Every structure is written in structure tokens, then in C-alpha cells.
Amino acid sequence: GTTNVSDEELEEMLEEGKGHINFTVFLMLFGEKLNGTDPEESILNAFTLFDPTGTVNKDKFKQLLLTQADKFSPEEVEQIFAVTPIDISGNIDYKSLCYIITCGDEKD
């Protein structure tokens, strides 16, 4: 949602991350910096780019996590899928996943 962030501001935000920055850490860091925006809403907006219906295919999502930007390891993907709501068709309910990312697993 924000396109007017300078390279210096981006570098400062990235330096706030402790160690390796994966997708989840990235979302949390940038979600916290968006003025007037709920971090969960920001994450939902990102997922909406994949599919506006509220679900994204597990296999397509896995492929993206393993091959794009700050690539996840197969172990990290399995950790995500362990807490991710996936239906019998192999679709991820990303609204529930966003809640888990921002608020924690309901079991915690």
C-alpha cells in the first residue's frame, strides 16, 4: 500500500530484523511500519494479489515460497503448513493464515 518509501527507510527497517529475514519476519517488519494500517489487513492485501476469493492453492504457494525473493527452505515451508488451514482441495484459507501470522496460533 505504500510506494513512497526511500531506500534508506527500507534499509533501516531490514536492519531491525534479527538474523535471517524470511517471509513472515518481512511481513511483520513492514506491517508494523505502515501508518494507519492494520498489519493483518496489509497481509490480506498481499494475498489478494494471488487470489481475491480468500484462498490460494497450497502447491502454487509452496512453489513461490521455495523459489522467489528470500527463498524458504523445505523445512520452513513444512513449518508454515503445519499451522496453516488447508482444505481437502489443497487450498489455503489465507485469511486464517493471516490471523495466525499476526496473532499467533489459536492453540498457543
Protein backbone atom coordinates (compact mmCIF):
# COMPACT_ATOMS: atom_id res chain seq x y z
CA GLY A 1 0.00 0.00 0.00
CA THR A 2 2.95 2.36 0.43
CA THR A 3 5.04 3.24 -2.62
CA ASN A 4 6.89 6.33 -1.43
CA VAL A 5 9.42 4.66 0.88
CA SER A 6 13.04 5.62 0.32
CA ASP A 7 15.83 3.07 0.02
CA GLU A 8 17.26 4.38 3.29
CA GLU A 9 13.97 3.74 5.11
CA LEU A 10 13.82 0.22 3.69
CA GLU A 11 17.38 -0.49 4.82
CA GLU A 12 16.59 0.79 8.34
CA MET A 13 13.56 -1.50 8.54
CA LEU A 14 15.55 -4.50 7.34
CA GLU A 15 18.23 -3.82 9.95
CA GLU A 16 15.56 -4.18 12.66
CA GLY A 17 15.23 -7.86 11.81
CA LYS A 18 17.28 -10.17 13.97
CA GLY A 19 19.26 -12.54 11.76
CA HIS A 20 17.82 -14.15 8.65
CA ILE A 21 14.66 -12.44 7.37
CA ASN A 22 12.08 -14.84 5.99
CA PHE A 23 8.65 -14.05 4.57
CA THR A 24 6.90 -13.95 7.93
CA VAL A 25 9.51 -11.67 9.52
CA PHE A 26 9.37 -9.46 6.43
CA LEU A 27 5.60 -9.10 6.71
CA MET A 28 5.79 -8.32 10.41
CA LEU A 29 8.54 -5.71 9.99
CA PHE A 30 6.80 -3.86 7.22
CA GLY A 31 3.33 -4.30 8.69
CA GLU A 32 4.46 -2.54 11.86
CA LYS A 33 5.74 0.43 9.84
CA LEU A 34 2.63 1.12 7.81
CA ASN A 35 0.95 4.20 9.24
CA GLY A 36 -2.74 3.83 9.97
CA THR A 37 -2.92 0.30 8.59
CA ASP A 38 -3.63 -2.88 10.47
CA PRO A 39 -0.76 -5.33 9.78
CA GLU A 40 -3.26 -8.16 9.26
CA GLU A 41 -5.05 -6.07 6.63
CA SER A 42 -1.74 -5.45 4.87
CA ILE A 43 -1.00 -9.16 4.72
CA LEU A 44 -4.50 -9.89 3.44
CA ASN A 45 -4.00 -7.32 0.69
CA ALA A 46 -0.79 -9.07 -0.35
CA PHE A 47 -2.55 -12.44 -0.54
CA THR A 48 -5.40 -10.90 -2.50
CA LEU A 49 -2.93 -10.43 -5.36
CA PHE A 50 -2.77 -14.24 -5.63
CA ASP A 51 -6.50 -14.80 -5.46
CA PRO A 52 -9.22 -12.40 -4.27
CA THR A 53 -11.53 -15.24 -3.15
CA GLY A 54 -9.82 -15.86 0.20
CA THR A 55 -7.87 -18.97 -0.74
CA VAL A 56 -4.62 -19.73 -2.51
CA ASN A 57 -3.52 -23.12 -3.81
CA LYS A 58 -1.04 -24.84 -1.47
CA ASP A 59 1.19 -26.12 -4.29
CA LYS A 60 1.38 -22.72 -6.03
CA PHE A 61 2.11 -21.01 -2.72
CA LYS A 62 4.78 -23.59 -1.86
CA GLN A 63 6.45 -23.05 -5.24
CA LEU A 64 6.55 -19.28 -4.63
CA LEU A 65 7.99 -19.69 -1.14
CA LEU A 66 10.72 -22.02 -2.40
CA THR A 67 11.73 -20.02 -5.48
CA GLN A 68 11.05 -16.30 -5.04
CA ALA A 69 12.80 -13.47 -3.19
CA ASP A 70 14.05 -14.62 0.24
CA LYS A 71 13.57 -18.30 -0.50
CA PHE A 72 12.23 -20.57 2.19
CA SER A 73 13.84 -23.91 2.87
CA PRO A 74 11.65 -27.01 2.51
CA GLU A 75 11.73 -27.29 6.32
CA GLU A 76 10.44 -23.73 6.75
CA VAL A 77 7.61 -24.41 4.29
CA GLU A 78 6.62 -27.52 6.23
CA GLN A 79 6.62 -25.48 9.46
CA ILE A 80 4.24 -22.99 7.88
CA PHE A 81 1.96 -25.70 6.52
CA ALA A 82 1.86 -27.37 9.94
CA VAL A 83 -0.18 -24.42 11.26
CA THR A 84 -1.86 -23.40 8.01
CA PRO A 85 -5.55 -24.17 7.43
CA ILE A 86 -5.63 -26.27 4.22
CA ASP A 87 -8.87 -27.73 2.85
CA ILE A 88 -9.29 -31.11 1.14
CA SER A 89 -8.85 -29.46 -2.28
CA GLY A 90 -5.38 -28.23 -1.28
CA ASN A 91 -6.34 -24.59 -0.85
CA ILE A 92 -5.06 -22.39 1.95
CA ASP A 93 -7.54 -20.18 3.78
CA TYR A 94 -5.21 -17.19 3.79
CA LYS A 95 -7.50 -15.10 5.98
CA SER A 96 -7.00 -17.63 8.76
CA LEU A 97 -3.28 -17.81 7.99
CA CYS A 98 -3.02 -14.02 8.28
CA TYR A 99 -4.65 -14.20 11.68
CA ILE A 100 -2.13 -16.85 12.75
CA ILE A 101 0.78 -14.71 11.46
CA THR A 102 -0.38 -11.59 13.30
CA CYS A 103 -1.99 -13.05 16.43
CA GLY A 104 -0.49 -16.50 16.82
CA ASP A 105 -1.95 -19.95 16.53
CA GLU A 106 -5.22 -20.32 18.43
CA LYS A 107 -3.65 -23.31 20.24
CA ASP A 108 -0.93 -21.07 21.74
